Amino acid sequence: MESNLSDQSILGALGSDLRRLRLSRNLSQAGLAAEAGVTRDTIRRLEAGESVSTQTLVRVLRALDLLGALAGLFPDRGPGPLEQLERGPAGRQRARASSRETRPSEEWRWADGEDQ
């Protein structure tokens, strides 16, 4: 999906995709609602691109066996602080050079320009 689409367009596309998937599995709205633990009207609203709660979306995705698709939404966050501590200094193999330029230090002088 393109990021320049409106929220309503994205919800509509999501609803259409869920409806198509539900029908490909030969499930009625009432059947999917029963498996997800929501009402048939909630499934209708979801498929129509109307707003539903995140919990409802998770329930429907679980009923359609699509929870694994959520894992691809976010990049891997890497090891946490405790895991890094357990790895010790060997966990990090290289360091990036500083992007700041090093300048030779100038001789310090009084701000008013008087030499002492």
Protein backbone atom coordinates (compact mmCIF):
# COMPACT_ATOMS: atom_id res chain seq x y z
CA MET A 1 0.00 0.00 0.00
CA GLU A 2 1.13 3.49 -0.70
CA SER A 3 1.75 5.83 2.21
CA ASN A 4 -0.01 8.75 0.53
CA LEU A 5 -3.43 7.03 0.71
CA SER A 6 -5.97 8.34 3.19
CA ASP A 7 -6.72 6.38 6.35
CA GLN A 8 -10.17 5.57 4.97
CA SER A 9 -8.67 4.17 1.75
CA ILE A 10 -6.28 1.97 3.71
CA LEU A 11 -9.06 0.69 5.99
CA GLY A 12 -11.20 0.01 2.93
CA ALA A 13 -8.43 -1.98 1.25
CA LEU A 14 -7.78 -3.93 4.45
CA GLY A 15 -11.49 -4.72 4.76
CA SER A 16 -11.68 -5.86 1.13
CA ASP A 17 -8.66 -8.11 1.59
CA LEU A 18 -10.12 -9.65 4.74
CA ARG A 19 -13.47 -10.21 3.00
CA ARG A 20 -11.75 -11.87 0.02
CA LEU A 21 -9.75 -14.12 2.37
CA ARG A 22 -12.85 -15.01 4.39
CA LEU A 23 -14.74 -15.96 1.24
CA SER A 24 -11.79 -17.98 -0.11
CA ARG A 25 -11.99 -20.03 3.08
CA ASN A 26 -15.73 -20.45 2.58
CA LEU A 27 -16.56 -18.71 5.87
CA SER A 28 -19.68 -16.65 6.42
CA GLN A 29 -19.50 -13.40 8.36
CA ALA A 30 -21.40 -15.13 11.17
CA GLY A 31 -18.98 -18.07 11.13
CA LEU A 32 -15.91 -15.84 11.28
CA ALA A 33 -17.53 -13.74 14.00
CA ALA A 34 -18.17 -16.86 16.10
CA GLU A 35 -14.55 -18.03 15.69
CA ALA A 36 -13.20 -14.57 16.53
CA GLY A 37 -15.55 -14.00 19.47
CA VAL A 38 -17.09 -10.85 17.99
CA THR A 39 -20.48 -10.03 16.47
CA ARG A 40 -21.40 -10.41 12.81
CA ASP A 41 -21.94 -6.66 12.68
CA THR A 42 -18.33 -6.14 13.77
CA ILE A 43 -17.12 -8.28 10.87
CA ARG A 44 -19.39 -6.31 8.52
CA ARG A 45 -17.93 -3.02 9.80
CA LEU A 46 -14.36 -4.31 9.46
CA GLU A 47 -14.94 -5.48 5.90
CA ALA A 48 -16.62 -2.17 5.05
CA GLY A 49 -13.49 -0.28 6.07
CA GLU A 50 -15.01 1.19 9.21
CA SER A 51 -12.97 1.66 12.34
CA VAL A 52 -12.74 -1.24 14.80
CA SER A 53 -10.58 -1.72 17.86
CA THR A 54 -7.11 -3.18 17.64
CA GLN A 55 -8.23 -6.05 19.86
CA THR A 56 -11.01 -6.87 17.38
CA LEU A 57 -8.55 -6.87 14.50
CA VAL A 58 -6.23 -9.21 16.42
CA ARG A 59 -9.13 -11.57 17.16
CA VAL A 60 -10.16 -11.68 13.50
CA LEU A 61 -6.57 -12.20 12.34
CA ARG A 62 -6.20 -15.02 14.88
CA ALA A 63 -9.41 -16.67 13.63
CA LEU A 64 -8.08 -16.44 10.05
CA ASP A 65 -4.68 -17.81 11.21
CA LEU A 66 -2.94 -14.59 10.15
CA LEU A 67 -1.27 -13.48 13.40
CA GLY A 68 2.13 -14.33 11.92
CA ALA A 69 1.63 -11.50 9.42
CA LEU A 70 1.86 -9.00 12.27
CA ALA A 71 5.47 -9.99 12.92
CA GLY A 72 6.48 -8.49 9.59
CA LEU A 73 5.09 -5.07 10.46
CA PHE A 74 8.04 -4.00 12.57
CA PRO A 75 11.78 -4.44 12.05
CA ASP A 76 13.72 -6.67 14.38
CA ARG A 77 14.75 -4.57 17.34
CA GLY A 78 17.93 -6.51 18.04
CA PRO A 79 19.29 -7.61 21.40
CA GLY A 80 18.09 -5.86 24.54
CA PRO A 81 20.39 -4.30 27.15
CA LEU A 82 20.49 -7.42 29.34
CA GLU A 83 21.36 -9.62 26.39
CA GLN A 84 24.13 -7.22 25.40
CA LEU A 85 25.46 -7.29 28.96
CA GLU A 86 25.48 -11.10 28.94
CA ARG A 87 27.42 -11.10 25.66
CA GLY A 88 30.08 -8.91 27.18
CA PRO A 89 32.58 -6.84 25.23
CA ALA A 90 32.94 -9.61 22.62
CA GLY A 91 29.38 -8.91 21.53
CA ARG A 92 30.46 -5.82 19.63
CA GLN A 93 33.15 -6.41 17.06
CA ARG A 94 33.79 -2.92 15.65
CA ALA A 95 33.14 0.72 16.28
CA ARG A 96 32.38 3.42 13.79
CA ALA A 97 34.74 6.37 13.57
CA SER A 98 33.46 9.65 14.89
CA SER A 99 31.94 11.90 12.27
CA ARG A 100 33.29 15.03 13.99
CA GLU A 101 36.41 16.59 12.59
CA THR A 102 39.26 16.92 15.01
CA ARG A 103 40.75 20.36 15.02
CA PRO A 104 44.00 21.33 16.67
CA SER A 105 43.31 23.19 19.88
CA GLU A 106 43.95 26.90 19.75
CA GLU A 107 45.80 28.77 22.45
CA TRP A 108 43.39 30.00 25.11
CA ARG A 109 43.09 33.77 25.58
CA TRP A 110 41.06 36.07 27.78
CA ALA A 111 37.82 37.18 26.17
CA ASP A 112 38.61 40.90 26.46
CA GLY A 113 41.76 40.44 24.45
CA GLU A 114 44.20 41.39 27.24
CA ASP A 115 47.35 39.34 27.36
CA GLN A 116 48.56 38.35 30.79
